[in-house]
Amino acid sequence: MTDYGKAFRLDGKVALVTGAARGIGAEIARALAQVGASVLATDVLDEPGAATASGIAQSGGRCEFMHHDVSDETQWEAAVAASVERFGGLDVLVNNAGIETAAFLTRCDASDFRRVMDVNVTGVFLGVKHGVRAMQPGGAAGRGGAIVNMSSIAGMIGTTAHIAYHSSKGAVRSLTKAAAIECAQLGTGIRVNSVHPGIVGTDMGDKFVADFVALGLVPDTATAETAFKAAHPLGFGRPEDVACAVLYLATEASRWTTGTELVVDGGYTAT
């Protein structure tokens, strides 16, 4: 008989969360620690990243911070090695780090497009690559586990002036499915899934709304917020809403779930 209380716990497990300095990533790190995981929180933002890890530790969780540029393969190798060395393994990897840029298609610089792809797509690819190496049988951790890739509803629909971001999140969606099938068919014991939030009340969410004002698509912030809130029947989300979705995919509660896209968008894509 399944113990449902334990199914949603991560006691004795080790998690690595990228982009964990603030916003959704920080909340995911807090959530994983609260259900028993030891967490390595990584980011390029050192001061807020260290503060997030310290706050989790002060609340009784086990968390450490490490500087980590996800577009750099050497730094990925170091981050995965650190999770094994500091905490004794790697069972959960959350590829959350991401950036966005706003520009009309005809004015989007190739350099900006490449930068978004480097962080949002190459960063996820490298994470999955080195995460699987460590988590698969014979790897440094070798216990299998769960990989959760942060995509977006931007990977499923389109909006004006965000072509680089949409392209990157669509790539993460497909990358996740390919990795999930390969990991399952090779018997690695690793599940790979993606999460697709709508607009969440974070700095990035606020910037996304502000972009439409800056580009002259709407007259002011109030108008933009009203329009986007109306598109989310349940209103804008909170970081906790996304963290709860990640918890499901990270735990044994989702042991028969792989290659799926979990949409957490307040009903945006259902309208």
Protein backbone atom coordinates (compact mmCIF):
# COMPACT_ATOMS: atom_id res chain seq x y z
CA MET A 1 0.00 0.00 0.00
CA THR A 2 1.29 3.45 -0.93
CA ASP A 3 2.18 5.78 1.92
CA TYR A 4 0.97 9.05 0.42
CA GLY A 5 2.64 11.13 3.09
CA LYS A 6 6.03 9.70 2.14
CA ALA A 7 5.26 9.88 -1.59
CA PHE A 8 5.47 13.66 -1.42
CA ARG A 9 8.62 13.72 0.74
CA LEU A 10 12.29 13.92 -0.27
CA ASP A 11 13.95 12.85 2.95
CA GLY A 12 17.53 11.74 2.32
CA LYS A 13 17.47 13.08 -1.24
CA VAL A 14 19.75 15.69 -2.81
CA ALA A 15 18.52 18.42 -5.15
CA LEU A 16 20.28 20.97 -7.36
CA VAL A 17 18.28 24.05 -8.36
CA THR A 18 19.61 26.58 -10.88
CA GLY A 19 18.57 30.23 -10.96
CA ALA A 20 17.78 29.88 -7.27
CA ALA A 21 18.81 33.33 -6.05
CA ARG A 22 15.33 34.81 -6.20
CA GLY A 23 11.83 34.47 -7.58
CA ILE A 24 10.57 31.06 -8.65
CA GLY A 25 13.97 29.39 -8.25
CA ALA A 26 14.35 30.53 -4.65
CA GLU A 27 10.85 29.32 -3.84
CA ILE A 28 11.56 25.93 -5.41
CA ALA A 29 14.71 25.60 -3.29
CA ARG A 30 12.71 26.46 -0.16
CA ALA A 31 10.00 23.94 -1.05
CA LEU A 32 12.43 21.09 -1.73
CA ALA A 33 14.27 21.75 1.53
CA GLN A 34 11.01 21.88 3.46
CA VAL A 35 10.05 18.35 2.34
CA GLY A 36 13.42 16.96 3.39
CA ALA A 37 15.89 17.41 0.53
CA SER A 38 19.41 18.76 0.87
CA VAL A 39 19.61 21.55 -1.70
CA LEU A 40 22.46 23.04 -3.69
CA ALA A 41 21.14 26.41 -4.89
CA THR A 42 23.06 27.91 -7.81
CA ASP A 43 22.97 31.23 -9.67
CA VAL A 44 25.18 33.94 -11.15
CA LEU A 45 23.74 36.37 -8.57
CA ASP A 46 26.01 35.65 -5.64
CA GLU A 47 24.68 37.95 -2.92
CA PRO A 48 20.95 37.13 -3.21
CA GLY A 49 21.82 33.48 -3.85
CA ALA A 50 23.81 33.23 -0.64
CA ALA A 51 21.00 35.02 1.20
CA THR A 52 18.44 32.52 -0.08
CA ALA A 53 20.57 29.57 1.04
CA SER A 54 21.18 31.18 4.42
CA GLY A 55 17.47 31.81 4.93
CA ILE A 56 16.64 28.18 4.16
CA ALA A 57 19.29 26.99 6.59
CA GLN A 58 18.05 29.33 9.32
CA SER A 59 14.55 27.88 8.84
CA GLY A 60 15.85 24.40 9.54
CA GLY A 61 16.54 23.22 5.99
CA ARG A 62 19.82 22.06 4.53
CA CYS A 63 20.97 24.33 1.70
CA GLU A 64 24.21 25.73 0.33
CA PHE A 65 24.87 28.21 -2.47
CA MET A 66 27.28 27.98 -5.40
CA HIS A 67 28.08 30.42 -8.21
CA HIS A 68 27.05 28.83 -11.50
CA ASP A 69 26.71 30.10 -15.07
CA VAL A 70 24.50 27.46 -16.70
CA SER A 71 25.79 28.24 -20.20
CA ASP A 72 29.29 27.07 -19.18
CA GLU A 73 29.84 23.29 -19.35
CA THR A 74 32.81 23.36 -17.00
CA GLN A 75 30.69 25.07 -14.36
CA TRP A 76 28.00 22.42 -14.82
CA GLU A 77 30.55 19.71 -14.16
CA ALA A 78 31.63 21.54 -11.02
CA ALA A 79 28.06 22.05 -9.78
CA VAL A 80 27.09 18.40 -10.20
CA ALA A 81 30.33 17.31 -8.53
CA ALA A 82 29.65 19.71 -5.66
CA SER A 83 26.21 18.24 -5.01
CA VAL A 84 27.76 14.79 -4.74
CA GLU A 85 30.70 15.92 -2.62
CA ARG A 86 28.77 18.20 -0.25
CA PHE A 87 25.58 16.18 0.18
CA GLY A 88 26.38 12.67 -1.00
CA GLY A 89 24.47 12.41 -4.25
CA LEU A 90 22.06 13.93 -6.76
CA ASP A 91 18.44 12.81 -6.97
CA VAL A 92 16.59 15.90 -8.22
CA LEU A 93 17.74 18.47 -10.77
CA VAL A 94 15.64 21.55 -11.44
CA ASN A 95 16.77 23.50 -14.51
CA ASN A 96 15.15 26.80 -13.60
CA ALA A 97 17.70 29.46 -14.67
CA GLY A 98 16.48 31.59 -17.55
CA ILE A 99 16.47 35.05 -19.09
CA GLU A 100 14.28 36.93 -21.55
CA THR A 101 14.62 39.83 -23.94
CA ALA A 102 12.01 41.91 -25.70
CA ALA A 103 12.22 43.17 -29.28
CA PHE A 104 10.13 43.09 -32.41
CA LEU A 105 11.17 40.32 -34.77
CA THR A 106 12.76 42.66 -37.31
CA ARG A 107 14.71 44.45 -34.57
CA CYS A 108 15.88 41.45 -32.57
CA ASP A 109 19.69 41.33 -32.61
CA ALA A 110 21.18 37.94 -33.35
CA SER A 111 23.51 38.39 -30.39
CA ASP A 112 20.53 38.84 -28.03
CA PHE A 113 18.80 35.83 -29.56
CA ARG A 114 21.91 33.69 -29.08
CA ARG A 115 22.32 34.82 -25.47
CA VAL A 116 18.76 33.78 -24.62
CA MET A 117 19.30 30.43 -26.32
CA ASP A 118 22.64 29.95 -24.54
CA VAL A 119 21.08 30.32 -21.11
CA ASN A 120 17.58 28.93 -21.66
CA VAL A 121 18.35 26.04 -24.02
CA THR A 122 22.05 25.21 -23.89
CA GLY A 123 21.92 25.64 -20.12
CA VAL A 124 19.10 23.11 -19.85
CA PHE A 125 20.81 20.72 -22.28
CA LEU A 126 24.03 20.82 -20.25
CA GLY A 127 22.11 20.32 -17.05
CA VAL A 128 20.28 17.29 -18.39
CA LYS A 129 23.50 15.89 -19.88
CA HIS A 130 25.54 16.11 -16.70
CA GLY A 131 22.60 15.36 -14.44
CA VAL A 132 21.93 12.10 -16.28
CA ARG A 133 25.63 11.19 -16.23
CA ALA A 134 25.65 11.48 -12.45
CA MET A 135 22.20 10.02 -11.73
CA GLN A 136 22.22 6.99 -14.03
CA PRO A 137 23.46 3.55 -12.90
CA GLY A 138 27.24 3.67 -12.51
CA GLY A 139 27.25 7.48 -12.24
CA ALA A 140 28.63 9.52 -9.36
CA ALA A 141 25.24 9.39 -7.64
CA GLY A 142 23.79 6.39 -9.45
CA ARG A 143 20.35 6.29 -7.84
CA GLY A 144 18.19 7.53 -10.71
CA GLY A 145 15.84 10.39 -9.90
CA ALA A 146 13.92 13.27 -11.42
CA ILE A 147 14.82 16.16 -13.70
CA VAL A 148 12.42 19.09 -13.96
CA ASN A 149 12.98 21.63 -16.73
CA MET A 150 11.38 25.05 -16.44
CA SER A 151 9.69 25.92 -19.71
CA SER A 152 6.73 28.32 -19.95
CA ILE A 153 3.41 28.70 -21.68
CA ALA A 154 5.63 30.74 -24.01
CA GLY A 155 6.81 27.34 -25.25
CA MET A 156 3.24 26.55 -26.31
CA ILE A 157 1.84 29.84 -27.61
CA GLY A 158 3.16 33.09 -29.09
CA THR A 159 3.15 36.76 -28.12
CA THR A 160 4.46 39.83 -29.87
CA ALA A 161 8.06 41.00 -29.37
CA HIS A 162 9.38 37.96 -27.49
CA ILE A 163 10.51 35.68 -30.28
CA ALA A 164 13.79 34.68 -28.61
CA TYR A 165 12.07 33.73 -25.37
CA HIS A 166 9.30 31.77 -27.10
CA SER A 167 11.84 29.96 -29.27
CA SER A 168 13.91 28.98 -26.25
CA LYS A 169 10.99 27.70 -24.20
CA GLY A 170 9.63 25.72 -27.14
CA ALA A 171 13.04 24.09 -27.45
CA VAL A 172 13.02 23.18 -23.75
CA ARG A 173 9.62 21.55 -24.21
CA SER A 174 10.88 19.30 -27.02
CA LEU A 175 14.26 18.66 -25.40
CA THR A 176 12.46 17.42 -22.31
CA LYS A 177 10.42 14.87 -24.24
CA ALA A 178 13.44 13.55 -26.13
CA ALA A 179 15.47 13.20 -22.93
CA ALA A 180 12.56 11.53 -21.12
CA ILE A 181 12.13 8.84 -23.76
CA GLU A 182 15.86 8.15 -23.99
CA CYS A 183 16.25 7.91 -20.21
CA ALA A 184 13.27 5.55 -19.95
CA GLN A 185 14.28 3.30 -22.82
CA LEU A 186 17.86 3.01 -21.56
CA GLY A 187 16.67 2.04 -18.10
CA THR A 188 18.34 4.89 -16.26
CA GLY A 189 15.63 5.25 -13.63
CA ILE A 190 15.49 8.99 -14.43
CA ARG A 191 12.25 10.82 -15.20
CA VAL A 192 12.34 14.11 -17.14
CA ASN A 193 9.41 16.54 -17.20
CA SER A 194 8.76 20.22 -17.89
CA VAL A 195 6.74 22.89 -16.09
CA HIS A 196 4.98 25.65 -18.03
CA PRO A 197 3.95 28.64 -15.89
CA GLY A 198 1.92 31.59 -17.01
CA ILE A 199 2.71 35.05 -15.66
CA VAL A 200 3.92 34.84 -12.06
CA GLY A 201 4.45 37.76 -9.69
CA THR A 202 8.25 37.92 -9.86
CA ASP A 203 10.78 40.40 -11.25
CA MET A 204 10.75 38.54 -14.58
CA GLY A 205 6.96 38.45 -14.65
CA ASP A 206 6.82 42.18 -13.98
CA LYS A 207 9.38 42.82 -16.72
CA PHE A 208 7.37 40.80 -19.22
CA VAL A 209 4.35 43.03 -18.60
CA ALA A 210 6.48 46.20 -18.64
CA ASP A 211 7.98 45.23 -22.01
CA PHE A 212 4.64 45.80 -23.72
CA VAL A 213 4.53 49.35 -22.36
CA ALA A 214 8.14 50.08 -23.32
CA LEU A 215 7.51 48.91 -26.89
CA GLY A 216 4.38 51.04 -27.23
CA LEU A 217 1.99 48.11 -27.54
CA VAL A 218 -0.13 49.41 -24.65
CA PRO A 219 -0.29 52.94 -23.20
CA ASP A 220 0.67 52.20 -19.59
CA THR A 221 1.42 49.53 -17.00
CA ALA A 222 -2.10 49.52 -15.58
CA THR A 223 -3.55 48.73 -19.01
CA ALA A 224 -1.01 45.94 -19.58
CA GLU A 225 -1.66 44.37 -16.17
CA THR A 226 -5.42 44.51 -16.67
CA ALA A 227 -5.16 42.81 -20.05
CA PHE A 228 -2.84 40.05 -18.89
CA LYS A 229 -4.76 39.41 -15.69
CA ALA A 230 -7.92 39.06 -17.75
CA ALA A 231 -6.14 36.41 -19.83
CA HIS A 232 -5.49 34.38 -16.65
CA PRO A 233 -8.95 33.35 -15.36
CA LEU A 234 -7.48 32.67 -11.90
CA GLY A 235 -5.28 35.78 -11.99
CA PHE A 236 -1.49 35.95 -11.91
CA GLY A 237 0.34 33.13 -10.15
CA ARG A 238 2.71 33.16 -7.20
CA PRO A 239 6.09 31.43 -6.98
CA GLU A 240 4.56 28.94 -4.54
CA ASP A 241 2.16 27.75 -7.24
CA VAL A 242 5.06 26.75 -9.47
CA ALA A 243 7.05 25.27 -6.58
CA CYS A 244 4.16 22.94 -5.76
CA ALA A 245 4.14 21.67 -9.34
CA VAL A 246 7.87 21.03 -9.16
CA LEU A 247 7.44 19.16 -5.88
CA TYR A 248 5.03 16.74 -7.53
CA LEU A 249 7.42 16.04 -10.41
CA ALA A 250 10.42 15.74 -8.09
CA THR A 251 8.92 13.19 -5.72
CA GLU A 252 7.85 9.55 -5.95
CA ALA A 253 4.28 10.82 -6.25
CA SER A 254 5.01 11.20 -9.98
CA ARG A 255 6.92 7.93 -10.44
CA TRP A 256 4.82 7.04 -13.53
CA THR A 257 5.12 10.49 -15.09
CA THR A 258 7.81 11.32 -17.64
CA GLY A 259 8.00 13.41 -20.79
CA THR A 260 4.98 15.41 -19.75
CA GLU A 261 4.37 19.16 -19.66
CA LEU A 262 2.71 20.39 -16.50
CA VAL A 263 0.92 23.65 -17.26
CA VAL A 264 0.48 26.00 -14.29
CA ASP A 265 -1.07 29.11 -15.78
CA GLY A 266 -4.30 30.02 -14.01
CA GLY A 267 -6.26 28.87 -17.05
CA TYR A 268 -4.49 31.05 -19.64
CA THR A 269 -4.04 28.34 -22.28
CA ALA A 270 -7.50 26.87 -21.63
CA THR A 271 -9.35 29.98 -22.82
